[in-house]
Full PDB file with SEQRES, HELIX, SHEET, SSBOND, CRYST1, ORIGX, SCALE, CONECT and MASTER records, all heavy atoms in Angstrom:
SEQRES   1 A   39  ALA THR GLY GLY VAL ASN TRP ARG GLN ARG ALA TYR ALA          
SEQRES   2 A   39  ALA GLN ARG HIS GLY LYS VAL PRO ALA GLY LYS ARG LEU          
SEQRES   3 A   39  SER VAL SER TRP THR ARG ALA GLY PHE GLU ILE SER LEU          
HELIX    1 AA1 TRP A    7  ARG A   16  1                                  10    
SHEET    1 AA1 2 SER A  27  THR A  31  0                                        
SHEET    2 AA1 2 GLY A  34  SER A  38 -1                                        
CRYST1    1.000    1.000    1.000  90.00  90.00  90.00 P 1           1          
ORIGX1      1.000000  0.000000  0.000000        0.00000                         
ORIGX2      0.000000  1.000000  0.000000        0.00000                         
ORIGX3      0.000000  0.000000  1.000000        0.00000                         
SCALE1      1.000000  0.000000  0.000000        0.00000                         
SCALE2      0.000000  1.000000  0.000000        0.00000                         
SCALE3      0.000000  0.000000  1.000000        0.00000                         
ATOM      1  N   ALA A   1      82.214 117.590 112.242  1.00  0.00           N  
ATOM      2  CA  ALA A   1      82.785 117.557 113.592  1.00  0.00           C  
ATOM      3  C   ALA A   1      82.762 118.921 114.251  1.00  0.00           C  
ATOM      4  O   ALA A   1      82.814 119.027 115.474  1.00  0.00           O  
ATOM      5  CB  ALA A   1      84.228 117.032 113.536  1.00  0.00           C  
ATOM      6  N   THR A   2      82.670 119.982 113.431  1.00  0.00           N  
ATOM      7  CA  THR A   2      82.655 121.329 114.004  1.00  0.00           C  
ATOM      8  C   THR A   2      81.296 121.992 113.823  1.00  0.00           C  
ATOM      9  O   THR A   2      81.181 123.212 113.878  1.00  0.00           O  
ATOM     10  CB  THR A   2      83.750 122.179 113.338  1.00  0.00           C  
ATOM     11  OG1 THR A   2      83.551 122.189 111.915  1.00  0.00           O  
ATOM     12  CG2 THR A   2      85.135 121.647 113.653  1.00  0.00           C  
ATOM     13  N   GLY A   3      80.273 121.180 113.605  1.00  0.00           N  
ATOM     14  CA  GLY A   3      78.926 121.730 113.486  1.00  0.00           C  
ATOM     15  C   GLY A   3      78.628 122.303 112.116  1.00  0.00           C  
ATOM     16  O   GLY A   3      77.695 123.102 111.965  1.00  0.00           O  
ATOM     17  N   GLY A   4      79.372 121.914 111.077  1.00  0.00           N  
ATOM     18  CA  GLY A   4      79.173 122.447 109.738  1.00  0.00           C  
ATOM     19  C   GLY A   4      78.203 121.619 108.925  1.00  0.00           C  
ATOM     20  O   GLY A   4      77.238 121.055 109.434  1.00  0.00           O  
ATOM     21  N   VAL A   5      78.495 121.508 107.629  1.00  0.00           N  
ATOM     22  CA  VAL A   5      77.570 120.874 106.688  1.00  0.00           C  
ATOM     23  C   VAL A   5      77.597 119.361 106.830  1.00  0.00           C  
ATOM     24  O   VAL A   5      78.666 118.756 106.882  1.00  0.00           O  
ATOM     25  CB  VAL A   5      77.942 121.269 105.240  1.00  0.00           C  
ATOM     26  CG1 VAL A   5      77.010 120.589 104.250  1.00  0.00           C  
ATOM     27  CG2 VAL A   5      77.886 122.782 105.081  1.00  0.00           C  
ATOM     28  N   ASN A   6      76.417 118.749 106.860  1.00  0.00           N  
ATOM     29  CA  ASN A   6      76.291 117.296 106.792  1.00  0.00           C  
ATOM     30  C   ASN A   6      76.062 116.960 105.325  1.00  0.00           C  
ATOM     31  O   ASN A   6      74.936 116.986 104.835  1.00  0.00           O  
ATOM     32  CB  ASN A   6      75.142 116.815 107.671  1.00  0.00           C  
ATOM     33  CG  ASN A   6      75.109 115.301 107.782  1.00  0.00           C  
ATOM     34  OD1 ASN A   6      75.394 114.588 106.819  1.00  0.00           O  
ATOM     35  ND2 ASN A   6      74.751 114.812 108.947  1.00  0.00           N  
ATOM     36  N   TRP A   7      77.138 116.661 104.612  1.00  0.00           N  
ATOM     37  CA  TRP A   7      77.054 116.488 103.159  1.00  0.00           C  
ATOM     38  C   TRP A   7      76.196 115.291 102.777  1.00  0.00           C  
ATOM     39  O   TRP A   7      75.486 115.323 101.773  1.00  0.00           O  
ATOM     40  CB  TRP A   7      78.457 116.347 102.589  1.00  0.00           C  
ATOM     41  CG  TRP A   7      79.269 117.595 102.706  1.00  0.00           C  
ATOM     42  CD1 TRP A   7      80.342 117.802 103.521  1.00  0.00           C  
ATOM     43  CD2 TRP A   7      79.058 118.826 102.018  1.00  0.00           C  
ATOM     44  NE1 TRP A   7      80.824 119.088 103.390  1.00  0.00           N  
ATOM     45  CE2 TRP A   7      80.058 119.747 102.457  1.00  0.00           C  
ATOM     46  CE3 TRP A   7      78.134 119.253 101.064  1.00  0.00           C  
ATOM     47  CZ2 TRP A   7      80.132 121.045 101.976  1.00  0.00           C  
ATOM     48  CZ3 TRP A   7      78.223 120.557 100.580  1.00  0.00           C  
ATOM     49  CH2 TRP A   7      79.207 121.430 101.035  1.00  0.00           C  
ATOM     50  N   ARG A   8      76.272 114.238 103.568  1.00  0.00           N  
ATOM     51  CA  ARG A   8      75.479 113.051 103.237  1.00  0.00           C  
ATOM     52  C   ARG A   8      73.983 113.363 103.304  1.00  0.00           C  
ATOM     53  O   ARG A   8      73.209 112.985 102.431  1.00  0.00           O  
ATOM     54  CB  ARG A   8      75.846 111.906 104.185  1.00  0.00           C  
ATOM     55  CG  ARG A   8      75.243 110.576 103.782  1.00  0.00           C  
ATOM     56  CD  ARG A   8      75.691 109.490 104.746  1.00  0.00           C  
ATOM     57  NE  ARG A   8      77.113 109.234 104.626  1.00  0.00           N  
ATOM     58  CZ  ARG A   8      77.633 108.363 103.771  1.00  0.00           C  
ATOM     59  NH1 ARG A   8      76.868 107.683 102.964  1.00  0.00           N  
ATOM     60  NH2 ARG A   8      78.935 108.160 103.748  1.00  0.00           N  
ATOM     61  N   GLN A   9      73.584 114.079 104.346  1.00  0.00           N  
ATOM     62  CA  GLN A   9      72.175 114.433 104.470  1.00  0.00           C  
ATOM     63  C   GLN A   9      71.755 115.412 103.376  1.00  0.00           C  
ATOM     64  O   GLN A   9      70.627 115.342 102.869  1.00  0.00           O  
ATOM     65  CB  GLN A   9      71.919 115.033 105.857  1.00  0.00           C  
ATOM     66  CG  GLN A   9      71.994 114.019 106.985  1.00  0.00           C  
ATOM     67  CD  GLN A   9      70.956 112.921 106.841  1.00  0.00           C  
ATOM     68  OE1 GLN A   9      69.808 113.174 106.496  1.00  0.00           O  
ATOM     69  NE2 GLN A   9      71.366 111.686 107.101  1.00  0.00           N  
ATOM     70  N   ARG A  10      72.642 116.327 103.002  1.00  0.00           N  
ATOM     71  CA  ARG A  10      72.297 117.269 101.939  1.00  0.00           C  
ATOM     72  C   ARG A  10      72.155 116.556 100.607  1.00  0.00           C  
ATOM     73  O   ARG A  10      71.237 116.853  99.824  1.00  0.00           O  
ATOM     74  CB  ARG A  10      73.355 118.369 101.841  1.00  0.00           C  
ATOM     75  CG  ARG A  10      73.017 119.424 100.801  1.00  0.00           C  
ATOM     76  CD  ARG A  10      73.915 120.650 100.910  1.00  0.00           C  
ATOM     77  NE  ARG A  10      73.671 121.360 102.158  1.00  0.00           N  
ATOM     78  CZ  ARG A  10      74.278 122.500 102.474  1.00  0.00           C  
ATOM     79  NH1 ARG A  10      75.140 123.050 101.643  1.00  0.00           N  
ATOM     80  NH2 ARG A  10      74.024 123.096 103.624  1.00  0.00           N  
ATOM     81  N   ALA A  11      73.045 115.607 100.333  1.00  0.00           N  
ATOM     82  CA  ALA A  11      72.937 114.831  99.097  1.00  0.00           C  
ATOM     83  C   ALA A  11      71.658 113.989  99.106  1.00  0.00           C  
ATOM     84  O   ALA A  11      70.987 113.857  98.079  1.00  0.00           O  
ATOM     85  CB  ALA A  11      74.170 113.944  98.934  1.00  0.00           C  
ATOM     86  N   TYR A  12      71.342 113.442 100.266  1.00  0.00           N  
ATOM     87  CA  TYR A  12      70.115 112.651 100.379  1.00  0.00           C  
ATOM     88  C   TYR A  12      68.891 113.527 100.122  1.00  0.00           C  
ATOM     89  O   TYR A  12      67.938 113.120  99.443  1.00  0.00           O  
ATOM     90  CB  TYR A  12      70.040 112.031 101.768  1.00  0.00           C  
ATOM     91  CG  TYR A  12      68.768 111.258 102.034  1.00  0.00           C  
ATOM     92  CD1 TYR A  12      68.436 110.146 101.272  1.00  0.00           C  
ATOM     93  CD2 TYR A  12      67.893 111.642 103.048  1.00  0.00           C  
ATOM     94  CE1 TYR A  12      67.275 109.439 101.508  1.00  0.00           C  
ATOM     95  CE2 TYR A  12      66.718 110.944 103.291  1.00  0.00           C  
ATOM     96  CZ  TYR A  12      66.418 109.839 102.514  1.00  0.00           C  
ATOM     97  OH  TYR A  12      65.272 109.163 102.750  1.00  0.00           O  
ATOM     98  N   ALA A  13      68.901 114.756 100.632  1.00  0.00           N  
ATOM     99  CA  ALA A  13      67.794 115.672 100.414  1.00  0.00           C  
ATOM    100  C   ALA A  13      67.666 116.023  98.932  1.00  0.00           C  
ATOM    101  O   ALA A  13      66.550 116.110  98.385  1.00  0.00           O  
ATOM    102  CB  ALA A  13      67.981 116.933 101.246  1.00  0.00           C  
ATOM    103  N   ALA A  14      68.802 116.221  98.259  1.00  0.00           N  
ATOM    104  CA  ALA A  14      68.768 116.517  96.827  1.00  0.00           C  
ATOM    105  C   ALA A  14      68.157 115.359  96.046  1.00  0.00           C  
ATOM    106  O   ALA A  14      67.356 115.554  95.132  1.00  0.00           O  
ATOM    107  CB  ALA A  14      70.178 116.819  96.321  1.00  0.00           C  
ATOM    108  N   GLN A  15      68.525 114.148  96.453  1.00  0.00           N  
ATOM    109  CA  GLN A  15      67.976 112.958  95.793  1.00  0.00           C  
ATOM    110  C   GLN A  15      66.482 112.844  96.056  1.00  0.00           C  
ATOM    111  O   GLN A  15      65.685 112.612  95.153  1.00  0.00           O  
ATOM    112  CB  GLN A  15      68.704 111.729  96.341  1.00  0.00           C  
ATOM    113  CG  GLN A  15      68.353 110.428  95.647  1.00  0.00           C  
ATOM    114  CD  GLN A  15      69.207 110.207  94.418  1.00  0.00           C  
ATOM    115  OE1 GLN A  15      70.318 110.703  94.351  1.00  0.00           O  
ATOM    116  NE2 GLN A  15      68.691 109.498  93.447  1.00  0.00           N  
ATOM    117  N   ARG A  16      66.110 113.047  97.307  1.00  0.00           N  
ATOM    118  CA  ARG A  16      64.711 112.859  97.710  1.00  0.00           C  
ATOM    119  C   ARG A  16      63.776 113.894  97.089  1.00  0.00           C  
ATOM    120  O   ARG A  16      62.631 113.596  96.770  1.00  0.00           O  
ATOM    121  CB  ARG A  16      64.637 112.917  99.238  1.00  0.00           C  
ATOM    122  CG  ARG A  16      63.248 112.767  99.827  1.00  0.00           C  
ATOM    123  CD  ARG A  16      63.344 112.312 101.272  1.00  0.00           C  
ATOM    124  NE  ARG A  16      64.301 113.124 102.013  1.00  0.00           N  
ATOM    125  CZ  ARG A  16      63.970 114.215 102.700  1.00  0.00           C  
ATOM    126  NH1 ARG A  16      62.727 114.637 102.713  1.00  0.00           N  
ATOM    127  NH2 ARG A  16      64.892 114.892 103.368  1.00  0.00           N  
ATOM    128  N   HIS A  17      64.272 115.114  96.907  1.00  0.00           N  
ATOM    129  CA  HIS A  17      63.417 116.183  96.388  1.00  0.00           C  
ATOM    130  C   HIS A  17      63.555 116.385  94.885  1.00  0.00           C  
ATOM    131  O   HIS A  17      63.118 117.408  94.347  1.00  0.00           O  
ATOM    132  CB  HIS A  17      63.739 117.495  97.111  1.00  0.00           C  
ATOM    133  CG  HIS A  17      63.383 117.464  98.569  1.00  0.00           C  
ATOM    134  ND1 HIS A  17      62.096 117.368  99.025  1.00  0.00           N  
ATOM    135  CD2 HIS A  17      64.168 117.490  99.670  1.00  0.00           C  
ATOM    136  CE1 HIS A  17      62.087 117.367 100.344  1.00  0.00           C  
ATOM    137  NE2 HIS A  17      63.331 117.423 100.760  1.00  0.00           N  
ATOM    138  N   GLY A  18      64.145 115.412  94.212  1.00  0.00           N  
ATOM    139  CA  GLY A  18      64.178 115.448  92.757  1.00  0.00           C  
ATOM    140  C   GLY A  18      65.092 116.493  92.160  1.00  0.00           C  
ATOM    141  O   GLY A  18      64.831 116.971  91.047  1.00  0.00           O  
ATOM    142  N   LYS A  19      66.160 116.854  92.838  1.00  0.00           N  
ATOM    143  CA  LYS A  19      67.095 117.849  92.320  1.00  0.00           C  
ATOM    144  C   LYS A  19      68.174 117.230  91.437  1.00  0.00           C  
ATOM    145  O   LYS A  19      68.967 117.950  90.822  1.00  0.00           O  
ATOM    146  CB  LYS A  19      67.756 118.602  93.475  1.00  0.00           C  
ATOM    147  CG  LYS A  19      66.777 119.231  94.459  1.00  0.00           C  
ATOM    148  CD  LYS A  19      65.873 120.243  93.779  1.00  0.00           C  
ATOM    149  CE  LYS A  19      64.942 120.899  94.807  1.00  0.00           C  
ATOM    150  NZ  LYS A  19      64.029 121.865  94.147  1.00  0.00           N  
ATOM    151  N   VAL A  20      68.209 115.896  91.399  1.00  0.00           N  
ATOM    152  CA  VAL A  20      69.220 115.186  90.614  1.00  0.00           C  
ATOM    153  C   VAL A  20      68.678 114.968  89.202  1.00  0.00           C  
ATOM    154  O   VAL A  20      67.491 114.662  89.029  1.00  0.00           O  
ATOM    155  CB  VAL A  20      69.566 113.841  91.278  1.00  0.00           C  
ATOM    156  CG1 VAL A  20      70.636 113.100  90.476  1.00  0.00           C  
ATOM    157  CG2 VAL A  20      70.039 114.075  92.704  1.00  0.00           C  
ATOM    158  N   PRO A  21      69.505 115.133  88.157  1.00  0.00           N  
ATOM    159  CA  PRO A  21      69.029 114.910  86.783  1.00  0.00           C  
ATOM    160  C   PRO A  21      68.412 113.522  86.606  1.00  0.00           C  
ATOM    161  O   PRO A  21      68.808 112.565  87.280  1.00  0.00           O  
ATOM    162  CB  PRO A  21      70.308 115.062  85.947  1.00  0.00           C  
ATOM    163  CG  PRO A  21      71.194 115.943  86.767  1.00  0.00           C  
ATOM    164  CD  PRO A  21      70.906 115.588  88.194  1.00  0.00           C  
ATOM    165  N   ALA A  22      67.472 113.438  85.698  1.00  0.00           N  
ATOM    166  CA  ALA A  22      66.773 112.171  85.443  1.00  0.00           C  
ATOM    167  C   ALA A  22      67.777 111.095  85.036  1.00  0.00           C  
ATOM    168  O   ALA A  22      68.701 111.338  84.256  1.00  0.00           O  
ATOM    169  CB  ALA A  22      65.740 112.372  84.342  1.00  0.00           C  
ATOM    170  N   GLY A  23      67.551 109.898  85.596  1.00  0.00           N  
ATOM    171  CA  GLY A  23      68.422 108.776  85.270  1.00  0.00           C  
ATOM    172  C   GLY A  23      69.753 108.795  85.996  1.00  0.00           C  
ATOM    173  O   GLY A  23      70.630 107.993  85.703  1.00  0.00           O  
ATOM    174  N   LYS A  24      69.910 109.716  86.942  1.00  0.00           N  
ATOM    175  CA  LYS A  24      71.152 109.831  87.697  1.00  0.00           C  
ATOM    176  C   LYS A  24      70.877 109.649  89.189  1.00  0.00           C  
ATOM    177  O   LYS A  24      69.746 109.750  89.650  1.00  0.00           O  
ATOM    178  CB  LYS A  24      71.794 111.204  87.475  1.00  0.00           C  
ATOM    179  CG  LYS A  24      72.187 111.491  86.035  1.00  0.00           C  
ATOM    180  CD  LYS A  24      73.406 110.677  85.625  1.00  0.00           C  
ATOM    181  CE  LYS A  24      73.877 111.085  84.238  1.00  0.00           C  
ATOM    182  NZ  LYS A  24      75.113 110.363  83.837  1.00  0.00           N  
ATOM    183  N   ARG A  25      71.922 109.400  89.926  1.00  0.00           N  
ATOM    184  CA  ARG A  25      71.835 109.297  91.379  1.00  0.00           C  
ATOM    185  C   ARG A  25      73.125 109.822  91.995  1.00  0.00           C  
ATOM    186  O   ARG A  25      74.169 109.835  91.352  1.00  0.00           O  
ATOM    187  CB  ARG A  25      71.607 107.851  91.822  1.00  0.00           C  
ATOM    188  CG  ARG A  25      72.710 106.874  91.432  1.00  0.00           C  
ATOM    189  CD  ARG A  25      72.359 105.465  91.860  1.00  0.00           C  
ATOM    190  NE  ARG A  25      73.295 104.479  91.345  1.00  0.00           N  
ATOM    191  CZ  ARG A  25      74.415 104.105  91.932  1.00  0.00           C  
ATOM    192  NH1 ARG A  25      74.763 104.679  93.079  1.00  0.00           N  
ATOM    193  NH2 ARG A  25      75.188 103.189  91.412  1.00  0.00           N  
ATOM    194  N   LEU A  26      73.026 110.252  93.224  1.00  0.00           N  
ATOM    195  CA  LEU A  26      74.196 110.723  93.952  1.00  0.00           C  
ATOM    196  C   LEU A  26      74.749 109.594  94.818  1.00  0.00           C  
ATOM    197  O   LEU A  26      73.988 108.831  95.417  1.00  0.00           O  
ATOM    198  CB  LEU A  26      73.849 111.915  94.846  1.00  0.00           C  
ATOM    199  CG  LEU A  26      73.576 113.245  94.141  1.00  0.00           C  
ATOM    200  CD1 LEU A  26      73.142 114.289  95.151  1.00  0.00           C  
ATOM    201  CD2 LEU A  26      74.814 113.724  93.396  1.00  0.00           C  
ATOM    202  N   SER A  27      76.037 109.527  94.885  1.00  0.00           N  
ATOM    203  CA  SER A  27      76.706 108.564  95.757  1.00  0.00           C  
ATOM    204  C   SER A  27      77.687 109.333  96.632  1.00  0.00           C  
ATOM    205  O   SER A  27      78.465 110.153  96.136  1.00  0.00           O  
ATOM    206  CB  SER A  27      77.447 107.515  94.934  1.00  0.00           C  
ATOM    207  OG  SER A  27      78.196 106.646  95.781  1.00  0.00           O  
ATOM    208  N   VAL A  28      77.636 109.084  97.935  1.00  0.00           N  
ATOM    209  CA  VAL A  28      78.511 109.776  98.882  1.00  0.00           C  
ATOM    210  C   VAL A  28      79.377 108.740  99.579  1.00  0.00           C  
ATOM    211  O   VAL A  28      78.872 107.763 100.134  1.00  0.00           O  
ATOM    212  CB  VAL A  28      77.696 110.570  99.921  1.00  0.00           C  
ATOM    213  CG1 VAL A  28      78.630 111.290 100.880  1.00  0.00           C  
ATOM    214  CG2 VAL A  28      76.789 111.561  99.221  1.00  0.00           C  
ATOM    215  N   SER A  29      80.670 108.969  99.559  1.00  0.00           N  
ATOM    216  CA  SER A  29      81.600 108.061 100.242  1.00  0.00           C  
ATOM    217  C   SER A  29      82.607 108.884 101.021  1.00  0.00           C  
ATOM    218  O   SER A  29      82.928 110.021 100.660  1.00  0.00           O  
ATOM    219  CB  SER A  29      82.321 107.155  99.239  1.00  0.00           C  
ATOM    220  OG  SER A  29      83.041 107.931  98.301  1.00  0.00           O  
ATOM    221  N   TRP A  30      83.093 108.301 102.117  1.00  0.00           N  
ATOM    222  CA  TRP A  30      84.046 108.992 102.987  1.00  0.00           C  
ATOM    223  C   TRP A  30      85.455 108.594 102.622  1.00  0.00           C  
ATOM    224  O   TRP A  30      85.781 107.421 102.456  1.00  0.00           O  
ATOM    225  CB  TRP A  30      83.760 108.646 104.441  1.00  0.00           C  
ATOM    226  CG  TRP A  30      84.846 109.048 105.388  1.00  0.00           C  
ATOM    227  CD1 TRP A  30      85.737 108.240 106.024  1.00  0.00           C  
ATOM    228  CD2 TRP A  30      85.167 110.372 105.796  1.00  0.00           C  
ATOM    229  NE1 TRP A  30      86.585 108.976 106.794  1.00  0.00           N  
ATOM    230  CE2 TRP A  30      86.269 110.292 106.683  1.00  0.00           C  
ATOM    231  CE3 TRP A  30      84.651 111.631 105.504  1.00  0.00           C  
ATOM    232  CZ2 TRP A  30      86.831 111.400 107.265  1.00  0.00           C  
ATOM    233  CZ3 TRP A  30      85.218 112.740 106.091  1.00  0.00           C  
ATOM    234  CH2 TRP A  30      86.288 112.620 106.964  1.00  0.00           C  
ATOM    235  N   THR A  31      86.337 109.580 102.461  1.00  0.00           N  
ATOM    236  CA  THR A  31      87.753 109.336 102.246  1.00  0.00           C  
ATOM    237  C   THR A  31      88.523 110.131 103.293  1.00  0.00           C  
ATOM    238  O   THR A  31      87.957 110.972 103.994  1.00  0.00           O  
ATOM    239  CB  THR A  31      88.188 109.778 100.843  1.00  0.00           C  
ATOM    240  OG1 THR A  31      88.126 111.215 100.766  1.00  0.00           O  
ATOM    241  CG2 THR A  31      87.292 109.186  99.772  1.00  0.00           C  
ATOM    242  N   ARG A  32      89.805 109.890 103.394  1.00  0.00           N  
ATOM    243  CA  ARG A  32      90.633 110.621 104.360  1.00  0.00           C  
ATOM    244  C   ARG A  32      90.677 112.118 104.041  1.00  0.00           C  
ATOM    245  O   ARG A  32      90.894 112.952 104.928  1.00  0.00           O  
ATOM    246  CB  ARG A  32      92.053 110.060 104.395  1.00  0.00           C  
ATOM    247  CG  ARG A  32      92.133 108.681 105.025  1.00  0.00           C  
ATOM    248  CD  ARG A  32      93.577 108.257 105.204  1.00  0.00           C  
ATOM    249  NE  ARG A  32      93.663 106.976 105.888  1.00  0.00           N  
ATOM    250  CZ  ARG A  32      93.674 106.834 107.194  1.00  0.00           C  
ATOM    251  NH1 ARG A  32      93.597 107.903 107.961  1.00  0.00           N  
ATOM    252  NH2 ARG A  32      93.756 105.638 107.753  1.00  0.00           N  
ATOM    253  N   ALA A  33      90.478 112.444 102.771  1.00  0.00           N  
ATOM    254  CA  ALA A  33      90.512 113.854 102.367  1.00  0.00           C  
ATOM    255  C   ALA A  33      89.186 114.559 102.615  1.00  0.00           C  
ATOM    256  O   ALA A  33      89.121 115.777 102.588  1.00  0.00           O  
ATOM    257  CB  ALA A  33      90.897 113.961 100.893  1.00  0.00           C  
ATOM    258  N   GLY A  34      88.113 113.802 102.850  1.00  0.00           N  
ATOM    259  CA  GLY A  34      86.795 114.391 103.068  1.00  0.00           C  
ATOM    260  C   GLY A  34      85.718 113.555 102.429  1.00  0.00           C  
ATOM    261  O   GLY A  34      85.902 112.350 102.194  1.00  0.00           O  
ATOM    262  N   PHE A  35      84.584 114.165 102.103  1.00  0.00           N  
ATOM    263  CA  PHE A  35      83.479 113.469 101.458  1.00  0.00           C  
ATOM    264  C   PHE A  35      83.612 113.583  99.943  1.00  0.00           C  
ATOM    265  O   PHE A  35      83.849 114.675  99.410  1.00  0.00           O  
ATOM    266  CB  PHE A  35      82.140 114.061 101.896  1.00  0.00           C  
ATOM    267  CG  PHE A  35      81.644 113.504 103.191  1.00  0.00           C  
ATOM    268  CD1 PHE A  35      81.670 114.271 104.337  1.00  0.00           C  
ATOM    269  CD2 PHE A  35      81.153 112.218 103.263  1.00  0.00           C  
ATOM    270  CE1 PHE A  35      81.217 113.762 105.537  1.00  0.00           C  
ATOM    271  CE2 PHE A  35      80.701 111.692 104.455  1.00  0.00           C  
ATOM    272  CZ  PHE A  35      80.727 112.473 105.591  1.00  0.00           C  
ATOM    273  N   GLU A  36      83.444 112.447  99.279  1.00  0.00           N  
ATOM    274  CA  GLU A  36      83.459 112.417  97.822  1.00  0.00           C  
ATOM    275  C   GLU A  36      82.036 112.201  97.341  1.00  0.00           C  
ATOM    276  O   GLU A  36      81.431 111.159  97.604  1.00  0.00           O  
ATOM    277  CB  GLU A  36      84.379 111.303  97.313  1.00  0.00           C  
ATOM    278  CG  GLU A  36      84.567 111.322  95.806  1.00  0.00           C  
ATOM    279  CD  GLU A  36      85.540 110.251  95.351  1.00  0.00           C  
ATOM    280  OE1 GLU A  36      85.089 109.113  95.128  1.00  0.00           O  
ATOM    281  OE2 GLU A  36      86.747 110.561  95.224  1.00  0.00           O  
ATOM    282  N   ILE A  37      81.475 113.184  96.660  1.00  0.00           N  
ATOM    283  CA  ILE A  37      80.104 113.124  96.155  1.00  0.00           C  
ATOM    284  C   ILE A  37      80.178 112.926  94.652  1.00  0.00           C  
ATOM    285  O   ILE A  37      80.767 113.743  93.940  1.00  0.00           O  
ATOM    286  CB  ILE A  37      79.327 114.404  96.495  1.00  0.00           C  
ATOM    287  CG1 ILE A  37      79.397 114.679  98.007  1.00  0.00           C  
ATOM    288  CG2 ILE A  37      77.876 114.290  96.047  1.00  0.00           C  
ATOM    289  CD1 ILE A  37      78.749 115.977  98.429  1.00  0.00           C  
ATOM    290  N   SER A  38      79.560 111.830  94.167  1.00  0.00           N  
ATOM    291  CA  SER A  38      79.629 111.484  92.753  1.00  0.00           C  
ATOM    292  C   SER A  38      78.234 111.426  92.151  1.00  0.00           C  
ATOM    293  O   SER A  38      77.269 111.045  92.821  1.00  0.00           O  
ATOM    294  CB  SER A  38      80.322 110.129  92.556  1.00  0.00           C  
ATOM    295  OG  SER A  38      81.610 110.134  93.150  1.00  0.00           O  
ATOM    296  N   LEU A  39      78.144 111.808  90.900  1.00  0.00           N  
ATOM    297  CA  LEU A  39      76.897 111.699  90.143  1.00  0.00           C  
ATOM    298  C   LEU A  39      77.027 110.500  89.221  1.00  0.00           C  
ATOM    299  O   LEU A  39      77.841 110.495  88.297  1.00  0.00           O  
ATOM    300  CB  LEU A  39      76.645 112.979  89.347  1.00  0.00           C  
ATOM    301  CG  LEU A  39      75.285 113.095  88.661  1.00  0.00           C  
ATOM    302  CD1 LEU A  39      74.176 113.162  89.691  1.00  0.00           C  
ATOM    303  CD2 LEU A  39      75.247 114.327  87.759  1.00  0.00           C  
TER     304      LEU A  39                                                      
MASTER        0    0    0    1    2    0    0    6  303    1    0    3          
END                                                                             
């Protein structure tokens, strides 16, 4: 909202460019406290 990090897009980029360990995936969900990124 203040022009900072788009965590969902960054996680998507990590997934797309093979930065995630083999056999794993990133999941991004929105909570009231912020973005929850899970492996």
